[in-house]
Protein backbone atom coordinates (compact mmCIF):
# COMPACT_ATOMS: atom_id res chain seq x y z
CA UNK A 1 0.18 -0.24 0.36
CA UNK A 2 1.25 3.40 -1.25
CA UNK A 3 1.33 6.43 1.18
CA UNK A 4 -0.40 9.22 0.19
CA UNK A 5 1.13 11.72 2.64
CA UNK A 6 2.92 14.81 1.66
CA UNK A 7 3.77 18.26 3.00
CA UNK A 8 0.51 19.41 1.23
CA UNK A 9 -1.87 17.21 3.37
CA UNK A 10 0.32 17.74 6.36
CA UNK A 11 -0.03 21.43 5.82
CA UNK A 12 -3.91 20.94 5.73
CA UNK A 13 -4.04 18.68 8.79
CA UNK A 14 -2.04 20.91 10.84
CA UNK A 15 -4.37 24.13 9.23
CA UNK A 16 -7.51 22.12 10.05
CA UNK A 17 -6.22 21.10 13.68
CA UNK A 18 -5.64 24.61 14.74
CA UNK A 19 -8.98 25.71 12.93
CA UNK A 20 -10.93 23.14 15.02
CA UNK A 21 -9.28 24.49 18.19
CA UNK A 22 -9.33 27.97 17.96
CA UNK A 23 -12.28 28.85 15.83
CA UNK A 24 -10.23 31.26 14.43
CA UNK A 25 -10.54 31.25 10.90
CA UNK A 26 -8.26 34.56 10.39
CA UNK A 27 -5.39 33.14 12.38
CA UNK A 28 -5.31 30.10 10.06
CA UNK A 29 -5.50 32.54 7.12
CA UNK A 30 -2.53 34.43 8.06
CA UNK A 31 -0.34 30.71 9.09
CA UNK A 32 -1.44 29.89 5.20
CA UNK A 33 -0.68 33.19 3.84
CA UNK A 34 -3.68 33.28 1.78
CA UNK A 35 -4.74 36.93 0.93
CA UNK A 36 -8.52 35.82 0.72
CA UNK A 37 -10.73 34.56 3.81
CA UNK A 38 -12.53 32.40 0.72
CA UNK A 39 -9.55 30.57 -0.01
CA UNK A 40 -9.12 29.74 3.44
CA UNK A 41 -12.49 28.49 3.85
CA UNK A 42 -12.45 26.34 0.63
CA UNK A 43 -8.87 24.82 2.02
CA UNK A 44 -10.19 24.06 5.41
CA UNK A 45 -13.78 22.41 3.77
CA UNK A 46 -15.65 24.53 5.74
CA UNK A 47 -19.13 25.92 5.59
CA UNK A 48 -18.65 29.48 2.93
CA UNK A 49 -21.40 30.86 5.13
CA UNK A 50 -20.33 29.89 8.88
CA UNK A 51 -16.83 30.92 8.16
CA UNK A 52 -17.34 34.51 7.38
CA UNK A 53 -19.51 35.13 10.13
CA UNK A 54 -16.86 33.66 12.03
CA UNK A 55 -14.52 35.69 10.24
CA UNK A 56 -16.91 38.36 11.11
CA UNK A 57 -16.80 38.29 14.66
CA UNK A 58 -13.58 37.77 15.09
CA UNK A 59 -10.78 41.07 16.26
CA UNK A 60 -7.49 41.29 14.88
């Protein structure tokens, strides 16, 4: 059985863990270096409306 784990999957896993632990979408966006919050939402595979509502309530 071939392993399908690489740096990209590890990056995505780390981002998902941070998001689940903190709920801070903006922090994950910054850590990933995404210029648009929509990219982070898509990257994490979360509901866009929920994520945008959370982002609006997150102070920076």
